[in-house]
Amino acid sequence: MDPVRALQDASPTPFWLEDPGRPQAVSALVADTRCDLLVVGGYSGLWTALIAKERDPSRDVVLIEGEEIGWAASGRNGGFCESSLTHGLSNGLDRWPDELGDLERLGMRNLQAIEDTITRYGIDCDWRRTGSLNVATEPYQVDDLHEFAALAARHGSEQTVLDADQVRAEIDSPTFLGALWDKDGTAMLNPARLAWGLKQACLDLGVRIHEHTWATAIEEAGSGIAVRTPYGRVLADRVALATNAFPSLVKRHRLYTVPVYDYALMTEPLTDGQLASVGWHNRQGFSDAANQFHYVRLSADNRILWGGYDAVYHYRGRVRAEHDTRPETFATLARHFFRTFPQLEGLSFTHAWGGAIDTCTRFCAFFDTTHRGRVAHTAGFTGLGVGATRFAAEVMLDLLAGERTELTQLEMVRRKPLPFPPEPVRWAGIQATRWSLARADENSGRRNLWLRTLDRLGLGFDS
């Protein structure tokens, strides 16, 4: 069967958002208001508002969202909640070798705090602490497994090396040659339900939420900050900005991130026989070890989410609804899916969608303050925001309080990444990098001169 035929009935909408339990939107802001803390944004914003109220229940907190909570990245991602704050151990080692042990410890603490929050507020988001596999699909990748496991052990993370037979006993694919199993550093969840659960928890604590309320401008107003919206204005003592892939209200921040589009497919539910043919008894998420990698997991109702590979940047970095679908990428993903799981021939995809990831040159979150310390900003999560946004919320609140804490003293927090160059250099550089990463995958991982130059400049990415 032509794999593309499996897409014929796929809905171009995110699977997670087609949920009968989706909450009604709360009203837009239609007048001026005042508050102690204004929060703008999705996952980062929800965590910031929630933790702010937990720290000080008397604090008056307002959260505004341009569309509906869960509409953007928080309802479109794959549902991997990872402990890593640095987009993987290798990336962290390249950038902050002296504090990597602390970052790994803080990441595991953050993951546990997410689990505790879900339990405390009774959030129904299909949370499962399954861990994840990083799968070798080419012989050269197998050689790196033991080396990486030893590196992880030196920084307090135990990862189990699996040979071909062992990984296929976990998830059966003829393309799998080995894997690393991180058994405790990743949870699987329903990302939209997490966002909706955090929304309800915020409301229950007294956070004033306004959806369909875009922040359009920010300026100082006396001793506070004014943020304009289409129908009103919020006057706040402090502001936390977490707009991620969307253009920052602070113009100087806009060169630090670019929106890169990522795509995913969701299958129909597997029958018992189909699931048995794959195995997957431990329900781990997995990704492969290529530069252009796939991320894959089971949903609660035994669908397979298959995403990644293409990462598409559009000239001038515009975030537009028409970029959310890309048939050529969906076709590529479908072909790769059935190459990986030939035993599932005949399975259909029910959903095919995309969304923007906020990418920065160091591939993990960065932080800043403006307006004399009254405004805090975070962005740049590069696909790992489900977990790292909670950490970012704690950092922003510490920064806004002017506190010297373990988090604010991290080099990762104190230093920002290199900005992207302006167009057209930005577009050309990103396209050259995408082409070079694809060539490396086809050439046993060998990086060409362009990638080696980026590595030397601290701009290289090793997934």
Protein backbone atom coordinates (compact mmCIF):
# COMPACT_ATOMS: atom_id res chain seq x y z
CA MET A 1 0.00 0.00 0.00
CA ASP A 2 1.19 3.51 -0.76
CA PRO A 3 1.83 5.04 2.70
CA VAL A 4 0.32 8.35 1.60
CA ARG A 5 -3.09 6.66 1.26
CA ALA A 6 -3.13 6.36 5.04
CA LEU A 7 -3.50 10.18 5.17
CA GLN A 8 -6.67 10.38 3.11
CA ASP A 9 -9.01 11.00 6.05
CA ALA A 10 -6.58 12.80 8.36
CA SER A 11 -7.99 15.93 9.99
CA PRO A 12 -5.67 18.98 9.80
CA THR A 13 -6.21 19.77 13.47
CA PRO A 14 -4.22 18.83 16.58
CA PHE A 15 -5.49 15.56 18.01
CA TRP A 16 -5.28 16.79 21.61
CA LEU A 17 -7.63 19.72 20.98
CA GLU A 18 -10.48 17.53 19.69
CA ASP A 19 -11.47 16.63 23.22
CA PRO A 20 -15.05 16.69 24.52
CA GLY A 21 -13.65 17.81 27.87
CA ARG A 22 -12.18 20.98 26.38
CA PRO A 23 -13.17 23.84 28.70
CA GLN A 24 -15.04 26.93 27.64
CA ALA A 25 -12.93 30.01 27.10
CA VAL A 26 -13.13 32.71 29.75
CA SER A 27 -14.06 36.24 28.76
CA ALA A 28 -11.72 38.66 27.05
CA LEU A 29 -10.47 41.75 28.85
CA VAL A 30 -12.68 44.66 27.78
CA ALA A 31 -11.65 47.40 30.23
CA ASP A 32 -8.62 48.72 32.05
CA THR A 33 -7.53 46.82 35.13
CA ARG A 34 -4.75 46.81 37.72
CA CYS A 35 -2.82 43.97 39.32
CA ASP A 36 0.34 43.07 41.17
CA LEU A 37 1.58 40.66 38.49
CA LEU A 38 0.57 40.37 34.86
CA VAL A 39 1.51 37.17 33.02
CA VAL A 40 1.40 36.85 29.23
CA GLY A 41 1.60 33.43 27.58
CA GLY A 42 0.86 29.69 27.61
CA TYR A 43 2.65 26.94 29.57
CA SER A 44 5.25 29.36 30.94
CA GLY A 45 2.52 31.81 31.84
CA LEU A 46 0.30 29.23 33.53
CA TRP A 47 3.15 27.93 35.66
CA THR A 48 4.21 31.49 36.53
CA ALA A 49 0.71 32.48 37.62
CA LEU A 50 0.20 29.27 39.61
CA ILE A 51 3.52 29.40 41.44
CA ALA A 52 3.10 33.14 42.12
CA LYS A 53 -0.19 32.45 43.91
CA GLU A 54 1.29 29.48 45.77
CA ARG A 55 4.15 31.67 47.00
CA ASP A 56 1.84 34.54 47.98
CA PRO A 57 -1.92 33.84 47.95
CA SER A 58 -2.66 37.55 48.49
CA ARG A 59 -0.92 38.57 45.26
CA ASP A 60 -3.33 39.83 42.59
CA VAL A 61 -2.36 37.97 39.41
CA VAL A 62 -3.79 38.46 35.91
CA LEU A 63 -3.02 36.12 33.01
CA ILE A 64 -3.86 37.02 29.42
CA GLU A 65 -3.83 34.65 26.42
CA GLY A 66 -4.15 35.77 22.79
CA GLU A 67 -6.36 32.86 21.74
CA GLU A 68 -7.50 30.08 24.09
CA ILE A 69 -5.28 28.31 26.57
CA GLY A 70 -3.94 25.17 24.89
CA TRP A 71 -4.37 26.60 21.38
CA ALA A 72 -0.66 27.04 20.54
CA ALA A 73 2.33 24.90 21.52
CA SER A 74 0.70 23.67 24.73
CA GLY A 75 -1.96 21.83 22.72
CA ARG A 76 0.12 20.79 19.70
CA ASN A 77 3.24 19.13 21.11
CA GLY A 78 3.93 15.43 21.44
CA GLY A 79 3.33 15.22 25.17
CA PHE A 80 6.91 14.44 26.24
CA CYS A 81 7.64 16.01 29.63
CA GLU A 82 11.40 15.74 30.10
CA SER A 83 13.67 16.54 33.00
CA SER A 84 16.36 18.08 30.80
CA LEU A 85 16.64 21.86 31.05
CA THR A 86 19.43 21.99 28.45
CA HIS A 87 17.92 20.12 25.50
CA GLY A 88 19.88 17.02 26.32
CA LEU A 89 23.04 16.19 28.19
CA SER A 90 25.42 16.79 25.28
CA ASN A 91 24.10 20.28 24.62
CA GLY A 92 24.39 21.12 28.30
CA LEU A 93 27.93 19.76 28.49
CA ASP A 94 29.01 21.86 25.52
CA ARG A 95 27.65 25.05 27.05
CA TRP A 96 27.78 24.78 30.87
CA PRO A 97 30.17 21.96 31.81
CA ASP A 98 30.86 23.38 35.28
CA GLU A 99 27.21 23.53 36.32
CA LEU A 100 25.80 20.61 34.35
CA GLY A 101 25.50 18.45 37.46
CA ASP A 102 23.42 21.15 39.13
CA LEU A 103 21.29 21.58 36.00
CA GLU A 104 20.60 17.85 35.85
CA ARG A 105 19.65 17.82 39.54
CA LEU A 106 17.40 20.86 39.13
CA GLY A 107 15.81 19.27 36.08
CA MET A 108 14.88 16.12 38.00
CA ARG A 109 13.58 18.24 40.87
CA ASN A 110 11.48 20.21 38.40
CA LEU A 111 10.04 17.04 36.84
CA GLN A 112 9.06 15.75 40.27
CA ALA A 113 7.48 19.11 41.12
CA ILE A 114 5.32 18.84 37.97
CA GLU A 115 4.18 15.39 39.04
CA ASP A 116 3.44 16.67 42.54
CA THR A 117 1.42 19.59 41.15
CA ILE A 118 -0.63 17.28 38.94
CA THR A 119 -1.40 15.13 41.99
CA ARG A 120 -2.11 18.07 44.31
CA TYR A 121 -4.64 19.69 41.98
CA GLY A 122 -6.10 16.46 40.59
CA ILE A 123 -5.19 17.29 36.99
CA ASP A 124 -6.36 14.53 34.63
CA CYS A 125 -3.70 14.59 31.91
CA ASP A 126 -2.79 10.89 31.48
CA TRP A 127 0.52 11.39 33.31
CA ARG A 128 2.77 8.32 33.09
CA ARG A 129 6.41 8.32 34.26
CA THR A 130 7.45 5.81 31.58
CA GLY A 131 10.90 7.12 30.67
CA SER A 132 12.08 7.26 27.09
CA LEU A 133 14.28 5.46 24.58
CA ASN A 134 16.86 7.02 22.29
CA VAL A 135 17.03 4.52 19.44
CA ALA A 136 19.93 3.82 17.09
CA THR A 137 18.79 3.12 13.54
CA GLU A 138 22.21 3.27 11.86
CA PRO A 139 25.33 1.25 12.76
CA TYR A 140 27.42 4.35 13.55
CA GLN A 141 24.86 5.40 16.16
CA VAL A 142 25.23 2.11 18.05
CA ASP A 143 28.87 2.90 18.80
CA ASP A 144 27.85 6.02 20.74
CA LEU A 145 25.41 4.32 23.13
CA HIS A 146 27.90 3.09 25.75
CA GLU A 147 29.87 6.35 25.61
CA PHE A 148 26.73 8.39 26.23
CA ALA A 149 25.59 6.10 29.05
CA ALA A 150 28.96 6.63 30.77
CA LEU A 151 28.62 10.41 30.30
CA ALA A 152 25.15 10.34 31.83
CA ALA A 153 26.39 8.29 34.79
CA ARG A 154 29.10 10.88 35.51
CA HIS A 155 26.36 13.50 35.86
CA GLY A 156 24.00 11.52 38.03
CA SER A 157 21.74 9.97 35.41
CA GLU A 158 21.45 6.22 34.99
CA GLN A 159 20.68 5.12 31.43
CA THR A 160 20.48 1.50 30.33
CA VAL A 161 22.07 0.36 27.07
CA LEU A 162 19.94 -2.06 25.04
CA ASP A 163 21.21 -4.15 22.14
CA ALA A 164 19.08 -4.84 19.06
CA ASP A 165 17.27 -7.82 20.56
CA GLN A 166 16.61 -6.01 23.84
CA VAL A 167 15.20 -2.86 22.25
CA ARG A 168 13.04 -4.92 19.90
CA ALA A 169 11.71 -6.75 22.94
CA GLU A 170 10.53 -3.34 24.17
CA ILE A 171 9.29 -1.91 20.83
CA ASP A 172 9.56 -4.12 17.77
CA SER A 173 10.89 -2.50 14.62
CA PRO A 174 13.28 -3.99 12.07
CA THR A 175 15.04 -0.62 11.93
CA PHE A 176 16.09 -0.66 15.63
CA LEU A 177 19.73 -1.61 16.25
CA GLY A 178 20.09 -0.57 19.88
CA ALA A 179 18.94 2.08 22.33
CA LEU A 180 19.49 3.98 25.54
CA TRP A 181 16.66 3.74 28.04
CA ASP A 182 16.32 6.66 30.45
CA LYS A 183 13.83 5.08 32.83
CA ASP A 184 13.01 8.04 35.07
CA GLY A 185 13.75 11.30 33.23
CA THR A 186 10.64 11.54 31.03
CA ALA A 187 6.89 11.33 31.52
CA MET A 188 4.21 10.97 28.87
CA LEU A 189 1.10 13.13 29.17
CA ASN A 190 -1.79 14.73 27.32
CA PRO A 191 -0.39 18.24 26.81
CA ALA A 192 -3.68 20.06 26.23
CA ARG A 193 -5.22 18.53 29.34
CA LEU A 194 -2.19 19.64 31.33
CA ALA A 195 -2.72 23.21 30.11
CA TRP A 196 -6.45 23.07 30.88
CA GLY A 197 -5.76 21.59 34.31
CA LEU A 198 -3.27 24.34 35.11
CA LYS A 199 -5.83 26.89 33.95
CA GLN A 200 -8.43 25.52 36.35
CA ALA A 201 -5.92 25.38 39.20
CA CYS A 202 -5.05 29.04 38.56
CA LEU A 203 -8.72 30.02 38.56
CA ASP A 204 -9.31 28.12 41.78
CA LEU A 205 -6.47 30.06 43.44
CA GLY A 206 -7.91 33.37 42.31
CA VAL A 207 -5.87 34.17 39.20
CA ARG A 208 -7.87 36.40 36.87
CA ILE A 209 -7.61 34.90 33.37
CA HIS A 210 -8.66 36.58 30.13
CA GLU A 211 -8.55 34.60 26.89
CA HIS A 212 -8.87 36.08 23.38
CA THR A 213 -6.80 38.97 24.72
CA TRP A 214 -3.65 39.74 22.74
CA ALA A 215 -0.94 41.86 24.34
CA THR A 216 -0.10 44.52 21.75
CA ALA A 217 2.36 46.89 23.44
CA ILE A 218 4.27 47.42 26.67
CA GLU A 219 5.49 50.64 28.28
CA GLU A 220 6.37 52.14 31.62
CA ALA A 221 3.52 53.88 33.41
CA GLY A 222 4.58 55.75 36.54
CA SER A 223 6.03 53.24 38.97
CA GLY A 224 4.56 50.28 37.08
CA ILE A 225 4.13 48.77 33.64
CA ALA A 226 1.24 49.16 31.21
CA VAL A 227 0.42 46.42 28.71
CA ARG A 228 -2.08 47.31 26.03
CA THR A 229 -4.69 44.90 24.69
CA PRO A 230 -7.27 45.37 21.91
CA TYR A 231 -10.01 46.52 24.31
CA GLY A 232 -8.17 47.76 27.34
CA ARG A 233 -4.98 48.06 29.31
CA VAL A 234 -3.42 46.26 32.26
CA LEU A 235 -1.43 48.30 34.78
CA ALA A 236 0.87 45.99 36.74
CA ASP A 237 3.65 46.29 39.27
CA ARG A 238 5.48 43.42 37.56
CA VAL A 239 5.10 41.60 34.22
CA ALA A 240 6.20 38.12 33.12
CA LEU A 241 6.41 37.70 29.34
CA ALA A 242 6.22 34.15 27.98
CA THR A 243 5.10 34.58 24.36
CA ASN A 244 7.64 32.00 23.11
CA ALA A 245 7.31 31.56 19.32
CA PHE A 246 5.32 34.76 18.91
CA PRO A 247 7.13 38.12 18.56
CA SER A 248 8.13 39.53 21.93
CA LEU A 249 6.64 42.80 23.13
CA VAL A 250 10.23 43.80 23.85
CA LYS A 251 11.75 44.42 20.43
CA ARG A 252 15.34 43.73 21.46
CA HIS A 253 14.36 40.13 22.21
CA ARG A 254 13.03 39.38 18.75
CA LEU A 255 16.42 38.48 17.25
CA TYR A 256 16.96 35.80 19.89
CA THR A 257 14.32 33.37 18.63
CA VAL A 258 12.93 32.10 15.34
CA PRO A 259 9.72 30.11 14.87
CA VAL A 260 10.51 26.70 13.37
CA TYR A 261 7.56 24.59 12.29
CA ASP A 262 7.29 21.00 13.46
CA TYR A 263 4.72 18.43 12.29
CA ALA A 264 3.05 15.30 13.66
CA LEU A 265 0.67 12.52 12.69
CA MET A 266 -1.70 10.54 14.91
CA THR A 267 -2.95 7.09 13.97
CA GLU A 268 -6.29 5.53 14.66
CA PRO A 269 -6.33 3.37 17.82
CA LEU A 270 -4.40 0.12 17.43
CA THR A 271 -6.30 -3.12 17.84
CA ASP A 272 -5.07 -5.56 20.46
CA GLY A 273 -3.44 -7.58 17.68
CA GLN A 274 -1.70 -4.59 16.17
CA LEU A 275 -0.39 -3.46 19.54
CA ALA A 276 0.83 -6.99 20.27
CA SER A 277 2.76 -6.98 16.99
CA VAL A 278 4.69 -3.93 18.19
CA GLY A 279 5.03 -4.89 21.85
CA TRP A 280 5.47 -1.61 23.74
CA HIS A 281 4.44 -3.10 27.10
CA ASN A 282 6.24 -0.32 29.04
CA ARG A 283 4.75 2.50 26.91
CA GLN A 284 7.97 4.52 26.74
CA GLY A 285 8.25 7.44 24.40
CA PHE A 286 11.12 7.18 21.95
CA SER A 287 13.13 9.21 19.50
CA ASP A 288 15.79 8.13 17.06
CA ALA A 289 19.39 9.26 17.20
CA ALA A 290 19.59 11.11 13.87
CA ASN A 291 19.98 14.87 13.54
CA GLN A 292 16.62 14.93 11.78
CA PHE A 293 14.90 12.80 14.38
CA HIS A 294 11.41 11.48 14.95
CA TYR A 295 9.63 11.52 18.31
CA VAL A 296 7.05 8.80 18.93
CA ARG A 297 4.70 7.74 21.72
CA LEU A 298 1.47 5.92 22.54
CA SER A 299 -1.61 7.85 23.57
CA ALA A 300 -3.89 6.69 26.38
CA ASP A 301 -6.19 5.05 23.82
CA ASN A 302 -3.31 3.28 22.05
CA ARG A 303 -2.84 5.58 19.08
CA ILE A 304 0.71 6.23 17.86
CA LEU A 305 1.85 9.82 17.61
CA TRP A 306 4.61 10.10 15.00
CA GLY A 307 6.27 13.49 14.69
CA GLY A 308 9.44 15.40 13.91
CA TYR A 309 12.04 14.98 11.16
CA ASP A 310 11.33 18.15 9.17
CA ALA A 311 11.95 21.48 10.91
CA VAL A 312 10.75 24.24 8.61
CA TYR A 313 11.65 27.91 8.85
CA HIS A 314 9.73 30.40 6.73
CA TYR A 315 11.42 33.54 5.46
CA ARG A 316 11.13 36.45 7.90
CA GLY A 317 9.88 34.07 10.59
CA ARG A 318 6.20 34.74 10.32
CA VAL A 319 3.83 32.70 12.50
CA ARG A 320 0.79 32.02 10.35
CA ALA A 321 -2.08 29.54 10.44
CA GLU A 322 -1.38 28.37 6.88
CA HIS A 323 1.99 27.03 8.04
CA ASP A 324 0.25 24.54 10.36
CA THR A 325 -0.30 22.09 7.48
CA ARG A 326 2.39 20.87 5.09
CA PRO A 327 1.37 17.94 2.87
CA GLU A 328 4.91 17.15 1.70
CA THR A 329 6.03 16.72 5.31
CA PHE A 330 2.98 14.63 6.20
CA ALA A 331 3.75 12.35 3.26
CA THR A 332 7.38 11.99 4.36
CA LEU A 333 6.32 11.17 7.91
CA ALA A 334 3.83 8.56 6.66
CA ARG A 335 6.53 6.83 4.59
CA HIS A 336 8.92 6.81 7.55
CA PHE A 337 6.22 5.43 9.84
CA PHE A 338 5.52 2.35 7.75
CA ARG A 339 9.24 1.79 7.14
CA THR A 340 9.64 1.64 10.93
CA PHE A 341 6.50 -0.42 11.57
CA PRO A 342 5.82 -2.51 8.45
CA GLN A 343 3.65 -4.83 10.55
CA LEU A 344 1.10 -1.99 10.82
CA GLU A 345 0.41 -1.73 7.10
CA GLY A 346 -3.22 -0.73 6.58
CA LEU A 347 -3.34 1.52 9.66
CA SER A 348 -4.77 4.98 8.98
CA PHE A 349 -3.87 8.42 10.29
CA THR A 350 -6.74 10.39 11.80
CA HIS A 351 -4.91 13.69 12.40
CA ALA A 352 -2.03 15.58 10.79
CA TRP A 353 -1.00 18.97 12.16
CA GLY A 354 1.86 21.34 12.81
CA GLY A 355 2.88 24.25 14.98
CA ALA A 356 5.70 26.67 15.70
CA ILE A 357 8.58 25.96 18.08
CA ASP A 358 10.52 28.88 19.60
CA THR A 359 14.12 28.10 18.73
CA CYS A 360 17.21 29.98 19.89
CA THR A 361 20.88 29.50 19.06
CA ARG A 362 21.61 27.51 22.21
CA PHE A 363 18.46 25.33 21.86
CA CYS A 364 17.14 25.82 25.39
CA ALA A 365 15.50 28.56 27.41
CA PHE A 366 17.08 31.93 28.07
CA PHE A 367 16.04 34.76 30.40
CA ASP A 368 16.19 38.53 30.65
CA THR A 369 14.77 41.47 32.56
CA THR A 370 13.85 44.92 31.23
CA HIS A 371 12.11 48.09 32.39
CA ARG A 372 14.36 48.41 35.45
CA GLY A 373 13.72 44.86 36.56
CA ARG A 374 9.93 45.12 36.45
CA VAL A 375 9.56 42.89 33.36
CA ALA A 376 10.95 39.34 33.08
CA HIS A 377 11.17 37.43 29.82
CA THR A 378 11.78 33.81 28.84
CA ALA A 379 11.76 31.98 25.50
CA GLY A 380 13.79 29.62 23.33
CA PHE A 381 12.67 26.21 24.67
CA THR A 382 13.21 24.54 21.27
CA GLY A 383 10.68 21.77 21.73
CA LEU A 384 11.26 20.88 25.39
CA GLY A 385 8.91 23.41 26.91
CA VAL A 386 6.43 20.98 28.46
CA GLY A 387 8.77 20.44 31.38
CA ALA A 388 11.22 23.35 31.23
CA THR A 389 8.53 26.03 31.32
CA ARG A 390 7.87 25.31 34.97
CA PHE A 391 11.55 25.85 35.76
CA ALA A 392 11.42 29.06 33.71
CA ALA A 393 8.46 30.27 35.75
CA GLU A 394 10.45 29.92 38.97
CA VAL A 395 13.36 31.79 37.40
CA MET A 396 11.16 34.67 36.23
CA LEU A 397 9.52 35.04 39.63
CA ASP A 398 12.92 35.08 41.35
CA LEU A 399 14.17 37.69 38.87
CA LEU A 400 11.09 39.87 39.36
CA ALA A 401 11.56 39.65 43.14
CA GLY A 402 15.15 40.79 42.74
CA GLU A 403 16.29 37.78 44.71
CA ARG A 404 19.71 36.15 44.61
CA THR A 405 18.77 32.48 44.44
CA GLU A 406 20.31 29.24 43.25
CA LEU A 407 18.40 29.70 39.99
CA THR A 408 19.25 33.35 39.29
CA GLN A 409 22.96 32.65 39.87
CA LEU A 410 23.14 29.99 37.17
CA GLU A 411 25.26 30.94 34.18
CA MET A 412 22.44 29.55 32.05
CA VAL A 413 20.18 32.24 33.52
CA ARG A 414 22.68 35.09 33.60
CA ARG A 415 23.89 34.77 30.01
CA LYS A 416 21.79 35.00 26.85
CA PRO A 417 22.41 33.14 23.58
CA LEU A 418 23.82 34.76 20.49
CA PRO A 419 21.08 36.46 18.47
CA PHE A 420 20.17 35.32 14.98
CA PRO A 421 21.40 37.57 12.17
CA PRO A 422 18.87 39.67 10.25
CA GLU A 423 17.30 38.52 7.01
CA PRO A 424 18.26 37.34 4.45
CA VAL A 425 21.36 36.00 6.23
CA ARG A 426 19.17 34.32 8.84
CA TRP A 427 17.15 32.36 6.27
CA ALA A 428 20.26 31.35 4.32
CA GLY A 429 22.06 30.18 7.46
CA ILE A 430 19.12 28.11 8.67
CA GLN A 431 18.68 26.47 5.26
CA ALA A 432 22.41 25.68 5.08
CA THR A 433 22.22 24.11 8.53
CA ARG A 434 19.18 21.99 7.65
CA TRP A 435 20.85 20.77 4.46
CA SER A 436 24.09 19.98 6.30
CA LEU A 437 22.33 18.06 9.07
CA ALA A 438 20.52 15.95 6.47
CA ARG A 439 23.83 15.23 4.72
CA ALA A 440 25.40 14.22 8.06
CA ASP A 441 22.59 11.73 8.64
CA GLU A 442 23.32 10.23 5.23
CA ASN A 443 27.08 10.18 5.83
CA SER A 444 27.44 8.19 9.07
CA GLY A 445 27.09 11.32 11.19
CA ARG A 446 30.13 13.09 9.74
CA ARG A 447 29.69 16.85 10.04
CA ASN A 448 30.75 19.06 7.14
CA LEU A 449 32.72 22.31 7.32
CA TRP A 450 29.60 24.40 7.91
CA LEU A 451 28.51 22.32 10.92
CA ARG A 452 32.03 22.17 12.33
CA THR A 453 32.24 25.96 12.08
CA LEU A 454 28.95 26.32 13.95
CA ASP A 455 30.28 23.93 16.59
CA ARG A 456 33.36 26.10 17.09
CA LEU A 457 31.17 29.20 17.42
CA GLY A 458 28.97 27.50 20.01
CA LEU A 459 26.01 27.38 17.60
CA GLY A 460 26.09 23.70 16.71
CA PHE A 461 23.27 21.33 17.53
CA ASP A 462 23.71 17.65 18.32
CA SER A 463 20.30 16.15 19.04
